[in-house]
Amino acid sequence: MTAQIDSPPSSTGAPTAFLRGVERRAALLAELQCGDARRGDVAVAATLRAFAGSASATPMSGWPVRFWSLLLAAPDLRRQAEDARWTPPWLPLGALGNGPRAALLLRLVGGLEMEDAATSLGVSLEAYRAALQRAIPYRDDGTPDREAWQGWVDAVRTRVAEMPAERLARMQGTGSAPSPIDAPEPVRTEPAVATAAIATPAAAPHTETRDGRAPRPHRLRMAIVAGLLAVAGIGVAVYLLQPGWLDRLPGRGIRTRTLPPADEPAARFDADFAAWTHRDFFAIADVDGLHRAQDLPFFAWYAAQRAVQPAQEAATPASAITPVVPAAVLAEPAPPPSLPPPRATPLQAPANVLLPAVMSSVIAHIPAPVQADLREQAALWTAWSPAQRTDFARRVAQWDAQPRERRAQWRVAYQAWRHLDPVAAEAVENAVQAFAQLAPEDQARLRAEFDALDATTQRGWLLGPAIGADYPKLQPLLAQMPESQHEAMLRMLRSMDSAQRADLAVLAQRVPPQAREELVRNVLSTSDANRAAWLRARLEQ
């Protein structure tokens, strides 16, 4: 009778197929996370077993998050090994903390979407974005290094495709044997023996032993069967009786030991971290500033209108001035005085605030161009009371509930208002105060006049009263500029007088579209002292 061999439950079905599809990437992620392939493989092997035992209790759609959560919870992956090392092109991973490194690898190696990656790490989406922003490669100028990122993607693809089968077998717990899925069908011995007996020729040559007797192979088979039965009997007896000396054998019994205390994490990606690193921190915290910024285009336009209007006393003849009659003479109550709104200035962080070491460490690992803003956010958060932090968290929830387009519009307006130069900021604030003194019908007339402008012209007034007036003519030059040149171009335009901006506008209209990029490079590379002469020389060509 032939024995029937059944496949174990963990070797069949959807969980096994899922694990076979993810184990190569898991091995690479674990190796790069802890800096040691051996430790990483041990963590992956434990995760494969744990997932196989709990997959039935998790919906199939949640398997990726469940698997990566289990893997990242392994002790060897929660802290860097003492002998950890990374080889090119992975050397930058050694300078990252465990949290940012895990955030990067979940995206790069695991291929998870941001929401699933954040859930796998147990952090908010904003905290995950901040950690990923710290971890991606940057060039010396602070811009993301796309070539380095693509190099990592190619390296991951190569390592996953070329992972040795022996390494996968060790993680699966099968040694060098093939996996159960790839194992050949069991050999049925009895039919093979019968076939061999049938195929034996009838006139086989007769052989004898030394004593002249024919060999008896059935005796050898009986001896082997008896030996196997004896060994099986001993094994059953040991299993059933469980003698006390069995636990004293090496490798037997349960042994426990106290683990060393866990290392303090370099940073905690909690609610506080997500709050003070929020990309719109100042726009959310500065309620009055955001309200003023939302009207920046209108008031910048009105400031420019006031700059070219004659003074009221000069425009009105003396005989046309209406004398002021005291209200008491008319026996009527005087109208309430119109109070101007309070002057608004951008929210500033307090000076000389000592930041906690964790905050300083986080700031030191982000690109240099954004360190100053994040340091201000950290200083303001540190100086706030618990009540102020709670109120900020409430406003963050309200902000995040707004549509993405509205948040982007508010973000751009606030950044433009916050970074106005002092002259432009003063002109805008004076326009706000003057507008508040106007009669309601005059205010409505000015609002309608501004609303009649096209959207591009209105957006140009975000640059302030002076540059906003020249924006329609400069727009062909500014529209297609890369973001890396925005700050330099804005600084240059603010340093130019109206005549220089007019010359630049003529050049922008004159050169063909394919030559505007070169014009921008040349004008930005010219010093402030020589720029006027350079513009005139280009106009005379």
Protein backbone atom coordinates (compact mmCIF):
# COMPACT_ATOMS: atom_id res chain seq x y z
CA MET A 1 0.00 0.00 0.00
CA THR A 2 1.36 3.39 -0.91
CA ALA A 3 1.37 6.16 1.73
CA GLN A 4 -0.38 9.41 0.75
CA ILE A 5 1.68 12.52 1.50
CA ASP A 6 -0.41 15.71 2.19
CA SER A 7 1.00 19.22 1.77
CA PRO A 8 1.04 21.27 4.96
CA PRO A 9 -1.56 24.07 5.12
CA SER A 10 1.13 26.81 5.13
CA SER A 11 2.50 25.58 1.82
CA THR A 12 -0.68 26.05 -0.18
CA GLY A 13 -3.27 28.71 -0.86
CA ALA A 14 -3.28 32.47 -1.07
CA PRO A 15 -1.07 33.20 2.00
CA THR A 16 1.76 31.11 0.57
CA ALA A 17 1.46 32.79 -2.82
CA PHE A 18 1.53 36.20 -1.14
CA LEU A 19 4.64 35.32 0.88
CA ARG A 20 6.46 33.97 -2.17
CA GLY A 21 5.74 37.23 -3.95
CA VAL A 22 7.01 39.46 -1.14
CA GLU A 23 9.86 37.50 0.50
CA ARG A 24 12.62 38.73 -1.84
CA ARG A 25 11.79 42.38 -1.25
CA ALA A 26 11.36 41.71 2.46
CA ALA A 27 14.86 40.22 2.64
CA LEU A 28 16.38 43.23 0.90
CA LEU A 29 14.42 45.73 3.03
CA ALA A 30 15.42 44.00 6.27
CA GLU A 31 19.09 43.90 5.22
CA LEU A 32 19.15 47.61 4.34
CA GLN A 33 17.18 48.59 7.44
CA CYS A 34 19.50 46.97 10.00
CA GLY A 35 22.71 46.97 7.93
CA ASP A 36 23.28 43.22 8.33
CA ALA A 37 21.99 40.57 5.90
CA ARG A 38 22.15 37.77 8.47
CA ARG A 39 20.11 39.64 11.08
CA GLY A 40 17.69 40.74 8.41
CA ASP A 41 17.13 37.19 7.19
CA VAL A 42 16.40 36.01 10.74
CA ALA A 43 13.80 38.75 11.11
CA VAL A 44 12.22 37.86 7.76
CA ALA A 45 12.07 34.15 8.64
CA ALA A 46 10.26 34.96 11.89
CA THR A 47 7.87 37.29 10.06
CA LEU A 48 7.04 34.64 7.44
CA ARG A 49 6.08 32.21 10.20
CA ALA A 50 4.08 34.81 12.15
CA PHE A 51 2.20 35.98 9.10
CA ALA A 52 1.36 32.44 7.96
CA GLY A 53 -0.21 31.79 11.35
CA SER A 54 -2.31 34.98 11.42
CA ALA A 55 -3.19 35.60 7.76
CA SER A 56 -6.57 33.87 8.07
CA ALA A 57 -7.69 36.48 10.62
CA THR A 58 -6.81 39.42 8.34
CA PRO A 59 -8.69 40.45 5.17
CA MET A 60 -6.64 39.87 2.03
CA SER A 61 -6.62 43.61 1.27
CA GLY A 62 -4.84 44.19 4.57
CA TRP A 63 -2.10 41.61 4.07
CA PRO A 64 0.59 44.05 2.78
CA VAL A 65 0.20 46.40 5.77
CA ARG A 66 0.03 43.45 8.16
CA PHE A 67 3.17 41.83 6.76
CA TRP A 68 5.34 44.97 6.71
CA SER A 69 4.12 45.96 10.19
CA LEU A 70 5.20 42.56 11.54
CA LEU A 71 8.58 42.81 9.81
CA LEU A 72 9.37 46.33 11.07
CA ALA A 73 8.37 45.30 14.59
CA ALA A 74 11.25 42.79 14.71
CA PRO A 75 13.79 43.84 17.41
CA ASP A 76 16.76 43.69 15.03
CA LEU A 77 15.01 46.13 12.66
CA ARG A 78 14.04 48.63 15.37
CA ARG A 79 17.63 49.55 16.11
CA GLN A 80 20.81 49.64 14.09
CA ALA A 81 23.23 46.74 14.62
CA GLU A 82 26.61 47.56 16.14
CA ASP A 83 28.39 45.97 13.18
CA ALA A 84 26.00 47.44 10.62
CA ARG A 85 27.47 48.46 7.33
CA TRP A 86 26.16 49.56 3.97
CA THR A 87 27.91 49.22 0.63
CA PRO A 88 27.51 51.50 -2.39
CA PRO A 89 25.05 52.74 -3.48
CA TRP A 90 23.47 52.42 -0.01
CA LEU A 91 26.07 54.40 1.99
CA PRO A 92 23.67 57.36 2.65
CA LEU A 93 21.32 55.01 4.56
CA GLY A 94 23.83 54.77 7.40
CA ALA A 95 23.43 58.48 8.19
CA LEU A 96 19.65 58.20 8.61
CA GLY A 97 17.75 57.33 11.74
CA ASN A 98 15.73 54.12 11.91
CA GLY A 99 12.43 55.94 11.34
CA PRO A 100 13.35 57.89 8.17
CA ARG A 101 15.25 54.87 6.83
CA ALA A 102 12.19 52.63 7.29
CA ALA A 103 9.97 55.27 5.66
CA LEU A 104 12.27 55.39 2.64
CA LEU A 105 12.61 51.61 2.26
CA LEU A 106 8.86 50.98 2.50
CA ARG A 107 8.44 53.23 -0.51
CA LEU A 108 11.58 52.23 -2.44
CA VAL A 109 11.84 48.50 -1.75
CA GLY A 110 8.37 47.56 -0.45
CA GLY A 111 6.61 49.60 -3.15
CA LEU A 112 3.85 50.76 -0.76
CA GLU A 113 1.67 53.79 -1.31
CA MET A 114 2.14 56.59 1.22
CA GLU A 115 -1.07 55.80 3.14
CA ASP A 116 -0.19 52.09 3.50
CA ALA A 117 3.42 52.91 4.41
CA ALA A 118 2.29 55.34 7.13
CA THR A 119 -0.11 52.72 8.51
CA SER A 120 2.66 50.10 8.51
CA LEU A 121 4.83 52.43 10.60
CA GLY A 122 1.92 53.42 12.83
CA VAL A 123 2.29 57.16 12.14
CA SER A 124 0.15 59.85 10.53
CA LEU A 125 0.42 60.63 6.84
CA GLU A 126 1.98 64.04 7.56
CA ALA A 127 4.60 62.45 9.84
CA TYR A 128 5.41 59.88 7.17
CA ARG A 129 5.80 62.58 4.51
CA ALA A 130 8.18 64.50 6.79
CA ALA A 131 10.27 61.37 7.42
CA LEU A 132 10.37 60.52 3.71
CA GLN A 133 11.39 64.08 2.87
CA ARG A 134 14.36 63.73 5.24
CA ALA A 135 15.43 60.42 3.73
CA ILE A 136 15.36 61.01 -0.04
CA PRO A 137 18.68 61.98 -1.68
CA TYR A 138 19.44 65.65 -2.32
CA ARG A 139 21.96 67.51 -4.41
CA ASP A 140 24.32 70.11 -2.97
CA ASP A 141 21.89 72.90 -3.94
CA GLY A 142 19.12 71.33 -1.85
CA THR A 143 17.03 69.98 -4.73
CA PRO A 144 16.03 66.27 -4.90
CA ASP A 145 18.63 64.12 -6.67
CA ARG A 146 16.56 62.24 -9.25
CA GLU A 147 19.59 60.44 -10.68
CA ALA A 148 20.53 59.01 -7.27
CA TRP A 149 16.94 57.91 -6.69
CA GLN A 150 16.82 56.14 -10.07
CA GLY A 151 20.12 54.46 -9.22
CA TRP A 152 18.54 53.09 -6.05
CA VAL A 153 15.50 51.86 -8.01
CA ASP A 154 17.76 50.00 -10.48
CA ALA A 155 19.82 48.52 -7.64
CA VAL A 156 16.67 47.24 -5.90
CA ARG A 157 15.45 45.64 -9.12
CA THR A 158 18.79 43.90 -9.66
CA ARG A 159 19.18 42.67 -6.07
CA VAL A 160 15.62 41.28 -5.98
CA ALA A 161 16.01 39.48 -9.31
CA GLU A 162 19.41 37.98 -8.45
CA MET A 163 18.73 36.89 -4.86
CA PRO A 164 20.26 33.40 -4.34
CA ALA A 165 17.89 30.47 -3.94
CA GLU A 166 19.91 29.23 -0.94
CA ARG A 167 19.16 32.43 0.93
CA LEU A 168 15.43 32.12 0.24
CA ALA A 169 15.51 28.47 1.37
CA ARG A 170 17.12 29.45 4.68
CA MET A 171 14.42 32.04 5.33
CA GLN A 172 11.71 29.52 4.48
CA GLY A 173 13.26 27.03 6.91
CA THR A 174 13.87 24.40 4.22
CA GLY A 175 17.70 24.48 4.18
CA SER A 176 18.98 23.64 0.74
CA ALA A 177 15.92 21.58 -0.19
CA PRO A 178 13.49 22.90 -2.77
CA SER A 179 10.40 24.67 -1.52
CA PRO A 180 7.23 22.57 -1.09
CA ILE A 181 5.63 24.29 -4.08
CA ASP A 182 8.50 23.29 -6.38
CA ALA A 183 8.98 19.76 -4.92
CA PRO A 184 8.42 16.85 -7.32
CA GLU A 185 5.52 14.46 -6.91
CA PRO A 186 6.17 11.66 -4.34
CA VAL A 187 7.56 8.46 -5.79
CA ARG A 188 5.32 5.44 -5.45
CA THR A 189 7.77 2.57 -4.70
CA GLU A 190 5.58 -0.51 -4.91
CA PRO A 191 4.51 -0.16 -8.56
CA ALA A 192 8.14 0.46 -9.47
CA VAL A 193 9.23 -2.78 -7.74
CA ALA A 194 6.51 -4.75 -9.51
CA THR A 195 7.53 -3.34 -12.86
CA ALA A 196 11.14 -4.28 -12.24
CA ALA A 197 10.10 -7.83 -11.37
CA ILE A 198 8.07 -8.18 -14.53
CA ALA A 199 10.91 -6.82 -16.64
CA THR A 200 13.47 -9.29 -15.19
CA PRO A 201 14.51 -11.77 -17.89
CA ALA A 202 13.48 -15.38 -17.24
CA ALA A 203 16.93 -16.72 -18.00
CA ALA A 204 18.88 -14.43 -15.68
CA PRO A 205 22.37 -15.66 -14.89
CA HIS A 206 22.58 -17.69 -11.62
CA THR A 207 24.94 -16.33 -8.93
CA GLU A 208 26.11 -18.06 -5.79
CA THR A 209 27.71 -17.02 -2.51
CA ARG A 210 31.10 -18.31 -1.36
CA ASP A 211 29.52 -21.26 0.46
CA GLY A 212 27.71 -22.25 -2.69
CA ARG A 213 24.23 -21.16 -1.64
CA ALA A 214 22.05 -18.72 -3.57
CA PRO A 215 21.67 -15.25 -2.02
CA ARG A 216 18.48 -14.51 -0.14
CA PRO A 217 17.74 -10.75 -0.50
CA HIS A 218 14.44 -11.02 1.38
CA ARG A 219 16.36 -11.62 4.63
CA LEU A 220 18.18 -8.29 4.21
CA ARG A 221 14.91 -6.50 3.61
CA MET A 222 13.42 -8.07 6.71
CA ALA A 223 16.40 -6.94 8.80
CA ILE A 224 16.05 -3.35 7.57
CA VAL A 225 12.32 -3.30 8.29
CA ALA A 226 12.91 -4.71 11.79
CA GLY A 227 15.53 -2.02 12.51
CA LEU A 228 13.18 0.76 11.37
CA LEU A 229 10.37 -0.59 13.51
CA ALA A 230 12.67 -0.71 16.55
CA VAL A 231 13.76 2.90 16.07
CA ALA A 232 10.13 4.00 15.62
CA GLY A 233 9.15 2.16 18.78
CA ILE A 234 11.87 3.86 20.79
CA GLY A 235 10.76 7.26 19.44
CA VAL A 236 7.12 6.62 20.37
CA ALA A 237 8.13 5.52 23.87
CA VAL A 238 10.24 8.62 24.44
CA TYR A 239 7.43 10.87 23.17
CA LEU A 240 4.77 9.23 25.35
CA LEU A 241 6.80 8.76 28.53
CA GLN A 242 8.68 12.11 28.38
CA PRO A 243 11.52 11.10 30.77
CA GLY A 244 13.01 13.85 32.92
CA TRP A 245 16.51 13.46 31.52
CA LEU A 246 15.21 14.53 28.09
CA ASP A 247 14.97 18.18 29.16
CA ARG A 248 18.59 18.17 30.30
CA LEU A 249 19.83 17.47 26.80
CA PRO A 250 21.46 20.45 24.96
CA GLY A 251 18.92 22.44 23.02
CA ARG A 252 15.92 21.09 24.97
CA GLY A 253 13.61 22.90 27.36
CA ILE A 254 12.53 26.55 27.57
CA ARG A 255 15.17 29.02 28.63
CA THR A 256 14.58 32.68 29.40
CA ARG A 257 16.82 35.65 29.84
CA THR A 258 16.28 39.34 30.49
CA LEU A 259 16.73 41.50 27.41
CA PRO A 260 18.74 44.72 27.66
CA PRO A 261 16.71 47.94 27.80
CA ALA A 262 15.67 49.31 24.43
CA ASP A 263 17.64 52.20 22.98
CA GLU A 264 16.01 55.61 23.08
CA PRO A 265 14.76 56.46 19.57
CA ALA A 266 16.38 59.35 17.75
CA ALA A 267 12.93 60.85 17.13
CA ARG A 268 9.32 59.95 17.82
CA PHE A 269 6.91 60.36 14.94
CA ASP A 270 3.99 61.25 17.16
CA ALA A 271 1.32 63.96 17.07
CA ASP A 272 3.73 66.62 18.33
CA PHE A 273 6.24 65.81 15.59
CA ALA A 274 3.52 65.98 12.93
CA ALA A 275 2.36 69.34 14.32
CA TRP A 276 5.60 71.31 14.47
CA THR A 277 6.82 69.92 11.12
CA HIS A 278 3.53 70.70 9.31
CA ARG A 279 4.30 72.28 5.94
CA ASP A 280 1.68 75.00 6.55
CA PHE A 281 2.60 75.61 10.20
CA PHE A 282 2.80 79.42 10.05
CA ALA A 283 -0.25 79.81 7.81
CA ILE A 284 -2.29 77.82 10.35
CA ALA A 285 -0.81 79.49 13.44
CA ASP A 286 -1.00 83.07 12.08
CA VAL A 287 -4.77 83.58 11.92
CA ASP A 288 -4.63 87.37 11.36
CA GLY A 289 -1.78 87.02 8.87
CA LEU A 290 -3.68 84.44 6.81
CA HIS A 291 -6.74 86.68 6.72
CA ARG A 292 -4.60 89.58 5.48
CA ALA A 293 -2.77 87.38 2.96
CA GLN A 294 -6.02 86.22 1.37
CA ASP A 295 -6.64 89.84 0.30
CA LEU A 296 -3.01 90.55 -0.66
CA PRO A 297 -3.60 90.83 -4.45
CA PHE A 298 -6.40 93.36 -3.97
CA PHE A 299 -4.57 95.55 -1.47
CA ALA A 300 -1.32 95.41 -3.48
CA TRP A 301 -3.33 96.61 -6.50
CA TYR A 302 -4.99 99.33 -4.42
CA ALA A 303 -1.60 100.42 -3.06
CA ALA A 304 -0.37 100.84 -6.64
CA GLN A 305 -3.50 102.85 -7.49
CA ARG A 306 -2.94 105.15 -4.52
CA ALA A 307 0.69 105.67 -5.55
CA VAL A 308 -0.33 107.23 -8.88
CA GLN A 309 -3.35 109.21 -7.63
CA PRO A 310 -2.95 112.89 -6.70
CA ALA A 311 -3.54 113.91 -3.11
CA GLN A 312 -7.13 114.76 -2.27
CA GLU A 313 -6.28 118.34 -1.26
CA ALA A 314 -4.50 119.01 -4.54
CA ALA A 315 -7.24 117.47 -6.68
CA THR A 316 -10.15 119.32 -5.10
CA PRO A 317 -10.54 123.14 -5.49
CA ALA A 318 -10.72 125.08 -2.27
CA SER A 319 -14.20 126.38 -3.10
CA ALA A 320 -15.48 122.84 -3.58
CA ILE A 321 -14.54 121.65 -0.11
CA THR A 322 -17.67 121.08 1.95
CA PRO A 323 -17.45 122.76 5.35
CA VAL A 324 -17.78 120.46 8.33
CA VAL A 325 -20.91 121.23 10.38
CA PRO A 326 -20.89 120.02 13.97
CA ALA A 327 -23.48 117.36 14.64
CA ALA A 328 -24.81 119.26 17.63
CA VAL A 329 -25.81 122.14 15.37
CA LEU A 330 -27.89 119.83 13.19
CA ALA A 331 -29.44 118.27 16.28
CA GLU A 332 -28.65 114.81 14.87
CA PRO A 333 -26.56 112.05 16.42
CA ALA A 334 -23.04 111.85 15.07
CA PRO A 335 -22.20 108.71 13.08
CA PRO A 336 -19.92 106.27 14.88
CA PRO A 337 -16.27 106.72 13.96
CA SER A 338 -14.81 104.15 11.56
CA LEU A 339 -12.01 102.35 13.34
CA PRO A 340 -9.16 101.15 11.10
CA PRO A 341 -8.25 97.48 11.40
CA PRO A 342 -5.19 96.62 13.48
CA ARG A 343 -1.94 96.52 11.53
CA ALA A 344 -0.89 92.98 10.68
CA THR A 345 2.67 91.68 10.68
CA PRO A 346 3.88 88.13 10.04
CA LEU A 347 4.03 85.86 13.07
CA GLN A 348 7.59 85.60 14.39
CA ALA A 349 9.13 82.94 16.59
CA PRO A 350 10.59 84.13 19.90
CA ALA A 351 14.34 84.57 20.01
CA ASN A 352 16.79 82.63 22.21
CA VAL A 353 14.59 79.54 22.58
CA LEU A 354 16.62 76.44 23.44
CA LEU A 355 15.34 73.59 21.29
CA PRO A 356 15.20 70.02 22.64
CA ALA A 357 17.95 67.71 21.37
CA VAL A 358 15.45 65.62 19.39
CA MET A 359 14.25 68.67 17.45
CA SER A 360 17.79 69.81 16.74
CA SER A 361 18.69 66.35 15.48
CA VAL A 362 15.71 66.27 13.12
CA ILE A 363 16.49 69.73 11.73
CA ALA A 364 20.14 68.83 11.18
CA HIS A 365 19.18 65.99 8.83
CA ILE A 366 16.88 67.92 6.48
CA PRO A 367 17.97 69.92 3.40
CA ALA A 368 19.65 73.22 4.22
CA PRO A 369 17.15 75.47 2.32
CA VAL A 370 14.29 74.53 4.68
CA GLN A 371 16.20 74.35 7.95
CA ALA A 372 15.62 78.02 8.85
CA ASP A 373 11.83 77.80 8.50
CA LEU A 374 11.65 74.52 10.42
CA ARG A 375 13.85 75.95 13.18
CA GLU A 376 11.39 78.86 13.58
CA GLN A 377 8.48 76.43 13.73
CA ALA A 378 10.25 74.36 16.38
CA ALA A 379 11.05 77.47 18.45
CA LEU A 380 7.44 78.68 18.36
CA TRP A 381 6.09 75.23 19.24
CA THR A 382 8.54 74.92 22.14
CA ALA A 383 7.49 78.32 23.51
CA TRP A 384 3.76 77.57 23.37
CA SER A 385 1.72 76.49 26.36
CA PRO A 386 -0.29 73.23 26.31
CA ALA A 387 -3.46 75.23 25.66
CA GLN A 388 -1.88 76.94 22.63
CA ARG A 389 -0.74 73.59 21.26
CA THR A 390 -4.23 72.15 21.68
CA ASP A 391 -5.74 75.13 19.86
CA PHE A 392 -3.21 74.70 17.04
CA ALA A 393 -4.12 71.02 16.71
CA ARG A 394 -7.78 72.02 16.37
CA ARG A 395 -6.93 74.50 13.59
CA VAL A 396 -4.78 71.86 11.85
CA ALA A 397 -7.81 69.56 11.67
CA GLN A 398 -9.90 72.38 10.19
CA TRP A 399 -7.15 73.22 7.68
CA ASP A 400 -6.67 69.61 6.55
CA ALA A 401 -10.42 69.26 6.04
CA GLN A 402 -10.37 71.99 3.36
CA PRO A 403 -10.18 71.00 -0.33
CA ARG A 404 -6.66 70.64 -1.68
CA GLU A 405 -7.06 73.47 -4.18
CA ARG A 406 -8.14 75.92 -1.47
CA ARG A 407 -5.25 74.94 0.79
CA ALA A 408 -2.81 75.45 -2.07
CA GLN A 409 -4.29 78.90 -2.80
CA TRP A 410 -4.02 79.95 0.85
CA ARG A 411 -0.49 78.56 1.07
CA VAL A 412 0.74 80.58 -1.91
CA ALA A 413 -0.95 83.78 -0.69
CA TYR A 414 0.46 83.48 2.84
CA GLN A 415 3.99 82.76 1.66
CA ALA A 416 3.83 85.76 -0.69
CA TRP A 417 2.58 88.06 2.07
CA ARG A 418 5.07 86.72 4.65
CA HIS A 419 8.05 87.31 2.32
CA LEU A 420 7.14 90.80 1.09
CA ASP A 421 10.06 93.21 1.31
CA PRO A 422 9.66 95.96 3.98
CA VAL A 423 8.75 98.69 1.47
CA ALA A 424 6.06 96.61 -0.21
CA ALA A 425 4.69 95.39 3.14
CA GLU A 426 4.37 98.97 4.41
CA ALA A 427 2.60 100.07 1.22
CA VAL A 428 0.12 97.21 1.45
CA GLU A 429 -0.60 97.89 5.11
CA ASN A 430 -1.16 101.60 4.40
CA ALA A 431 -3.59 100.61 1.66
CA VAL A 432 -5.50 98.43 4.13
CA GLN A 433 -5.83 101.34 6.55
CA ALA A 434 -6.86 103.78 3.81
CA PHE A 435 -9.41 101.38 2.36
CA ALA A 436 -11.10 101.03 5.75
CA GLN A 437 -11.75 104.80 5.80
CA LEU A 438 -13.61 104.81 2.47
CA ALA A 439 -17.36 104.95 2.15
CA PRO A 440 -19.06 101.59 1.49
CA GLU A 441 -19.98 102.55 -2.05
CA ASP A 442 -16.34 103.47 -2.83
CA GLN A 443 -15.16 100.16 -1.37
CA ALA A 444 -17.65 98.25 -3.52
CA ARG A 445 -16.56 100.19 -6.62
CA LEU A 446 -12.88 99.35 -6.05
CA ARG A 447 -13.67 95.67 -5.41
CA ALA A 448 -15.65 95.47 -8.63
CA GLU A 449 -12.86 97.17 -10.58
CA PHE A 450 -10.31 94.64 -9.28
CA ASP A 451 -12.62 91.66 -9.89
CA ALA A 452 -12.89 92.73 -13.54
CA LEU A 453 -9.17 91.98 -14.05
CA ASP A 454 -8.25 88.60 -15.53
CA ALA A 455 -7.00 85.86 -13.22
CA THR A 456 -3.38 86.07 -14.43
CA THR A 457 -3.19 89.79 -13.71
CA GLN A 458 -4.76 89.34 -10.27
CA ARG A 459 -2.24 86.62 -9.43
CA GLY A 460 0.64 88.92 -10.42
CA TRP A 461 -0.26 91.31 -7.61
CA LEU A 462 0.89 88.65 -5.12
CA LEU A 463 4.40 89.97 -5.89
CA GLY A 464 3.58 93.34 -4.31
CA PRO A 465 2.57 96.81 -5.53
CA ALA A 466 5.73 97.60 -7.54
CA ILE A 467 6.34 94.29 -9.32
CA GLY A 468 2.63 93.57 -9.66
CA ALA A 469 2.21 96.66 -11.85
CA ASP A 470 4.84 95.31 -14.28
CA TYR A 471 3.75 91.67 -14.10
CA PRO A 472 1.54 91.60 -17.24
CA LYS A 473 4.55 92.56 -19.38
CA LEU A 474 6.97 90.29 -17.49
CA GLN A 475 4.60 87.33 -17.45
CA PRO A 476 5.95 85.67 -20.65
CA LEU A 477 9.40 85.60 -19.05
CA LEU A 478 8.26 84.41 -15.61
CA ALA A 479 5.60 81.87 -16.57
CA GLN A 480 7.90 78.97 -17.54
CA MET A 481 10.72 79.52 -15.06
CA PRO A 482 11.83 76.48 -13.03
CA GLU A 483 11.07 76.67 -9.32
CA SER A 484 14.77 76.70 -8.44
CA GLN A 485 15.08 80.19 -10.02
CA HIS A 486 11.99 81.76 -8.44
CA GLU A 487 13.68 83.13 -5.33
CA ALA A 488 16.66 84.56 -7.23
CA MET A 489 14.38 86.20 -9.83
CA LEU A 490 12.13 87.73 -7.17
CA ARG A 491 15.14 89.11 -5.30
CA MET A 492 16.47 90.63 -8.53
CA LEU A 493 13.13 92.22 -9.47
CA ARG A 494 12.86 93.84 -6.05
CA SER A 495 16.34 95.31 -6.41
CA MET A 496 15.50 96.86 -9.82
CA ASP A 497 13.83 100.22 -10.30
CA SER A 498 10.80 100.70 -12.55
CA ALA A 499 12.95 101.73 -15.55
CA GLN A 500 15.03 98.54 -15.37
CA ARG A 501 11.90 96.40 -15.05
CA ALA A 502 10.45 98.18 -18.09
CA ASP A 503 13.61 97.41 -20.11
CA LEU A 504 13.45 93.76 -19.02
CA ALA A 505 9.77 93.61 -20.03
CA VAL A 506 10.67 94.88 -23.54
CA LEU A 507 13.34 92.19 -23.85
CA ALA A 508 10.88 89.54 -22.64
CA GLN A 509 8.47 90.53 -25.42
CA ARG A 510 11.20 90.75 -28.04
CA VAL A 511 13.09 87.45 -27.67
CA PRO A 512 11.50 84.24 -29.02
CA PRO A 513 10.20 81.68 -26.50
CA GLN A 514 13.12 79.30 -27.01
CA ALA A 515 15.60 82.08 -26.09
CA ARG A 516 13.91 83.19 -22.86
CA GLU A 517 15.66 80.57 -20.73
CA GLU A 518 19.03 81.94 -21.82
CA LEU A 519 17.83 85.50 -21.16
CA VAL A 520 16.89 84.54 -17.60
CA ARG A 521 20.30 82.95 -16.95
CA ASN A 522 22.14 85.97 -18.29
CA VAL A 523 20.15 88.59 -16.39
CA LEU A 524 20.43 86.63 -13.12
CA SER A 525 24.20 86.28 -13.53
CA THR A 526 24.64 90.06 -14.02
CA SER A 527 25.51 92.05 -10.88
CA ASP A 528 23.11 94.70 -9.56
CA ALA A 529 25.60 97.46 -10.39
CA ASN A 530 25.94 96.42 -14.04
CA ARG A 531 22.39 95.29 -14.73
CA ALA A 532 21.03 98.62 -16.03
CA ALA A 533 23.89 98.98 -18.54
CA TRP A 534 23.52 95.35 -19.59
CA LEU A 535 19.81 95.82 -20.27
CA ARG A 536 20.39 98.95 -22.36
CA ALA A 537 23.10 97.20 -24.37
CA ARG A 538 20.79 94.27 -25.12
CA LEU A 539 18.03 96.64 -26.20
CA GLU A 540 20.38 98.41 -28.62
CA GLN A 541 21.41 95.18 -30.37
